[in-house]
Structures are given as structure tokens and as C-alpha cells.
Amino acid sequence: MNQAPASLPSAQERNWAVGAHLSALLGLVTGIGCILGPLIVWLVKKDEMPFVNDQGKEALNFQITVFLAAIVCMILMLVAIGFLLLLVLGLADLVFIIIAAVKASEGVAYRYPLNLRLIK
């Protein structure tokens, strides 16, 4: 039997959590922005909004994971498979960011698959 959450995060918390996830899209423009966006949102709001603390860490950890996987893909470009893997990684990153943002807007704590949870 599923239990409903005790209370949903406030609209402001949900908006900041969505921002933490979507700020990773800055990486498409700046390269390293994929890590900086979630990091900045998490650092600014982690002490005052528990939901943003949780989702900011999740977004940051996932973007660190994607960044490390991208480095591996770049190395694998020496044997040609890296080009395809980097494309798949980019598409997966985009899809998971969108799913996470939608879930956060609903007040659901999203967990990315295959995420290295380096920041606890």
C-alpha cells in the first residue's frame, strides 16, 4: 500500500528544485556549466529548503557522473566508439534532466539512474 507524502514541498521549493535540474542545461552552452548550475543552486538554497538540498545534490551528483562518463567517451574516441557513446550520453543526459525537472515540479524527489552519489 502506497503512502502519500506527509506534505508536498512548497511551490517555491519545487521551483528551485526544478531550477537545480534545468540549470544543468547550461552545459550545452558553456561546457562546464552542467556542474556549475546545480552547484550554485544547491549552495544558495541547501540550508533553507530541504527539498532543494536533496534535489540539488542529486542533480549535482548526476552531472558529475555525466562529466566523468564524457571524459571516458573522449578517450574512447581514439577507437571510434567514443563518438557514438558521447552522443548517447548527451541524449540520455537531456532526457533524464527533463524527467527530473518534471518530477521535481510535482514535488517528487527524483533519483537519477546510474548516479554516483559523491556528495552526501
C-alpha atoms as a PDB file:
ATOM      1  CA  MET A   1       0.000   0.000   0.000  1.00  0.00           C
ATOM      2  CA  ASN A   2       1.479   3.358  -1.046  1.00  0.00           C
ATOM      3  CA  GLN A   3       1.526   6.122   1.478  1.00  0.00           C
ATOM      4  CA  ALA A   4       1.084   9.719   0.459  1.00  0.00           C
ATOM      5  CA  PRO A   5       3.888  12.062   1.483  1.00  0.00           C
ATOM      6  CA  ALA A   6       3.291  13.928   4.732  1.00  0.00           C
ATOM      7  CA  SER A   7       3.379  17.238   2.888  1.00  0.00           C
ATOM      8  CA  LEU A   8       4.445  18.398  -0.510  1.00  0.00           C
ATOM      9  CA  PRO A   9       7.289  20.886  -0.779  1.00  0.00           C
ATOM     10  CA  SER A  10       6.177  24.484  -1.211  1.00  0.00           C
ATOM     11  CA  ALA A  11       5.836  25.935  -4.691  1.00  0.00           C
ATOM     12  CA  GLN A  12       8.996  27.962  -4.116  1.00  0.00           C
ATOM     13  CA  GLU A  13      10.951  24.833  -3.112  1.00  0.00           C
ATOM     14  CA  ARG A  14       9.671  22.977  -6.165  1.00  0.00           C
ATOM     15  CA  ASN A  15      10.660  25.875  -8.435  1.00  0.00           C
ATOM     16  CA  TRP A  16      14.188  25.994  -7.022  1.00  0.00           C
ATOM     17  CA  ALA A  17      14.494  22.200  -7.351  1.00  0.00           C
ATOM     18  CA  VAL A  18      13.372  22.426 -10.990  1.00  0.00           C
ATOM     19  CA  GLY A  19      15.988  25.152 -11.432  1.00  0.00           C
ATOM     20  CA  ALA A  20      18.669  22.894  -9.968  1.00  0.00           C
ATOM     21  CA  HIS A  21      17.878  20.226 -12.552  1.00  0.00           C
ATOM     22  CA  LEU A  22      17.368  22.519 -15.543  1.00  0.00           C
ATOM     23  CA  SER A  23      20.441  24.630 -14.769  1.00  0.00           C
ATOM     24  CA  ALA A  24      22.488  21.655 -15.923  1.00  0.00           C
ATOM     25  CA  LEU A  25      21.407  22.564 -19.449  1.00  0.00           C
ATOM     26  CA  LEU A  26      23.892  25.438 -19.209  1.00  0.00           C
ATOM     27  CA  GLY A  27      26.422  22.788 -20.118  1.00  0.00           C
ATOM     28  CA  LEU A  28      25.116  22.860 -23.667  1.00  0.00           C
ATOM     29  CA  VAL A  29      26.246  26.481 -23.864  1.00  0.00           C
ATOM     30  CA  THR A  30      29.295  26.688 -21.598  1.00  0.00           C
ATOM     31  CA  GLY A  31      30.630  23.129 -21.367  1.00  0.00           C
ATOM     32  CA  ILE A  32      31.335  23.057 -17.622  1.00  0.00           C
ATOM     33  CA  GLY A  33      28.068  24.824 -16.779  1.00  0.00           C
ATOM     34  CA  CYS A  34      26.431  21.447 -16.383  1.00  0.00           C
ATOM     35  CA  ILE A  35      28.134  21.202 -12.988  1.00  0.00           C
ATOM     36  CA  LEU A  36      28.149  24.881 -12.042  1.00  0.00           C
ATOM     37  CA  GLY A  37      24.386  25.424 -12.399  1.00  0.00           C
ATOM     38  CA  PRO A  38      23.258  22.723  -9.948  1.00  0.00           C
ATOM     39  CA  LEU A  39      26.193  23.554  -7.648  1.00  0.00           C
ATOM     40  CA  ILE A  40      25.208  27.215  -7.369  1.00  0.00           C
ATOM     41  CA  VAL A  41      21.512  26.451  -6.765  1.00  0.00           C
ATOM     42  CA  TRP A  42      22.386  23.819  -4.165  1.00  0.00           C
ATOM     43  CA  LEU A  43      24.870  26.047  -2.316  1.00  0.00           C
ATOM     44  CA  VAL A  44      22.493  29.018  -2.229  1.00  0.00           C
ATOM     45  CA  LYS A  45      19.364  27.175  -1.032  1.00  0.00           C
ATOM     46  CA  LYS A  46      20.529  23.983   0.739  1.00  0.00           C
ATOM     47  CA  ASP A  47      20.263  25.360   4.269  1.00  0.00           C
ATOM     48  CA  GLU A  48      16.808  26.867   3.966  1.00  0.00           C
ATOM     49  CA  MET A  49      14.962  24.390   1.722  1.00  0.00           C
ATOM     50  CA  PRO A  50      15.288  20.642   2.449  1.00  0.00           C
ATOM     51  CA  PHE A  51      13.740  19.592  -0.876  1.00  0.00           C
ATOM     52  CA  VAL A  52      16.196  21.796  -2.793  1.00  0.00           C
ATOM     53  CA  ASN A  53      19.043  20.380  -0.702  1.00  0.00           C
ATOM     54  CA  ASP A  54      18.058  16.856  -1.724  1.00  0.00           C
ATOM     55  CA  GLN A  55      17.360  17.573  -5.388  1.00  0.00           C
ATOM     56  CA  GLY A  56      20.317  19.933  -5.775  1.00  0.00           C
ATOM     57  CA  LYS A  57      22.687  17.236  -4.531  1.00  0.00           C
ATOM     58  CA  GLU A  58      21.037  14.689  -6.809  1.00  0.00           C
ATOM     59  CA  ALA A  59      21.364  16.968  -9.865  1.00  0.00           C
ATOM     60  CA  LEU A  60      24.955  17.862  -8.991  1.00  0.00           C
ATOM     61  CA  ASN A  61      25.973  14.239  -8.469  1.00  0.00           C
ATOM     62  CA  PHE A  62      24.394  13.231 -11.770  1.00  0.00           C
ATOM     63  CA  GLN A  63      26.157  15.986 -13.686  1.00  0.00           C
ATOM     64  CA  ILE A  64      29.484  14.980 -12.123  1.00  0.00           C
ATOM     65  CA  THR A  65      28.733  11.405 -13.219  1.00  0.00           C
ATOM     66  CA  VAL A  66      27.919  12.569 -16.764  1.00  0.00           C
ATOM     67  CA  PHE A  67      31.077  14.696 -16.861  1.00  0.00           C
ATOM     68  CA  LEU A  68      33.232  11.698 -15.862  1.00  0.00           C
ATOM     69  CA  ALA A  69      31.474   9.496 -18.424  1.00  0.00           C
ATOM     70  CA  ALA A  70      32.091  12.161 -21.088  1.00  0.00           C
ATOM     71  CA  ILE A  71      35.810  12.060 -20.312  1.00  0.00           C
ATOM     72  CA  VAL A  72      35.767   8.289 -20.812  1.00  0.00           C
ATOM     73  CA  CYS A  73      33.889   8.773 -24.114  1.00  0.00           C
ATOM     74  CA  MET A  74      36.504  11.267 -25.279  1.00  0.00           C
ATOM     75  CA  ILE A  75      39.263   8.791 -24.551  1.00  0.00           C
ATOM     76  CA  LEU A  76      37.310   6.112 -26.422  1.00  0.00           C
ATOM     77  CA  MET A  77      37.169   8.393 -29.467  1.00  0.00           C
ATOM     78  CA  LEU A  78      40.644   7.050 -30.212  1.00  0.00           C
ATOM     79  CA  VAL A  79      38.967   3.787 -31.171  1.00  0.00           C
ATOM     80  CA  ALA A  80      35.939   5.485 -32.793  1.00  0.00           C
ATOM     81  CA  ILE A  81      33.285   4.058 -30.429  1.00  0.00           C
ATOM     82  CA  GLY A  82      33.539   7.167 -28.259  1.00  0.00           C
ATOM     83  CA  PHE A  83      31.705   9.306 -30.826  1.00  0.00           C
ATOM     84  CA  LEU A  84      28.599   7.145 -30.626  1.00  0.00           C
ATOM     85  CA  LEU A  85      28.821   6.786 -26.847  1.00  0.00           C
ATOM     86  CA  LEU A  86      29.158  10.549 -26.386  1.00  0.00           C
ATOM     87  CA  LEU A  87      26.046  11.098 -28.500  1.00  0.00           C
ATOM     88  CA  VAL A  88      24.083   8.537 -26.469  1.00  0.00           C
ATOM     89  CA  LEU A  89      25.370  10.065 -23.233  1.00  0.00           C
ATOM     90  CA  GLY A  90      24.270  13.544 -24.302  1.00  0.00           C
ATOM     91  CA  LEU A  91      20.788  12.350 -25.240  1.00  0.00           C
ATOM     92  CA  ALA A  92      20.422  10.384 -22.000  1.00  0.00           C
ATOM     93  CA  ASP A  93      21.546  13.418 -20.001  1.00  0.00           C
ATOM     94  CA  LEU A  94      18.946  15.611 -21.701  1.00  0.00           C
ATOM     95  CA  VAL A  95      16.132  13.081 -21.220  1.00  0.00           C
ATOM     96  CA  PHE A  96      16.947  12.474 -17.541  1.00  0.00           C
ATOM     97  CA  ILE A  97      17.217  16.219 -16.838  1.00  0.00           C
ATOM     98  CA  ILE A  98      13.739  16.754 -18.287  1.00  0.00           C
ATOM     99  CA  ILE A  99      12.263  13.823 -16.350  1.00  0.00           C
ATOM    100  CA  ALA A 100      13.873  15.075 -13.125  1.00  0.00           C
ATOM    101  CA  ALA A 101      12.566  18.610 -13.659  1.00  0.00           C
ATOM    102  CA  VAL A 102       9.025  17.351 -14.247  1.00  0.00           C
ATOM    103  CA  LYS A 103       9.160  15.142 -11.142  1.00  0.00           C
ATOM    104  CA  ALA A 104      10.585  17.980  -9.033  1.00  0.00           C
ATOM    105  CA  SER A 105       7.794  20.283 -10.220  1.00  0.00           C
ATOM    106  CA  GLU A 106       5.352  17.653  -8.928  1.00  0.00           C
ATOM    107  CA  GLY A 107       7.139  17.613  -5.566  1.00  0.00           C
ATOM    108  CA  VAL A 108       8.575  14.131  -6.096  1.00  0.00           C
ATOM    109  CA  ALA A 109      12.179  13.506  -5.058  1.00  0.00           C
ATOM    110  CA  TYR A 110      13.686  12.107  -8.271  1.00  0.00           C
ATOM    111  CA  ARG A 111      16.634   9.717  -8.276  1.00  0.00           C
ATOM    112  CA  TYR A 112      18.732   9.536 -11.430  1.00  0.00           C
ATOM    113  CA  PRO A 113      19.670   6.027 -12.597  1.00  0.00           C
ATOM    114  CA  LEU A 114      23.364   5.073 -12.572  1.00  0.00           C
ATOM    115  CA  ASN A 115      24.241   8.075 -10.436  1.00  0.00           C
ATOM    116  CA  LEU A 116      27.473   8.247  -8.442  1.00  0.00           C
ATOM    117  CA  ARG A 117      26.377   9.847  -5.186  1.00  0.00           C
ATOM    118  CA  LEU A 118      29.669  11.543  -4.337  1.00  0.00           C
ATOM    119  CA  ILE A 119      28.149  14.452  -2.415  1.00  0.00           C
ATOM    120  CA  LYS A 120      26.103  13.198   0.508  1.00  0.00           C
END
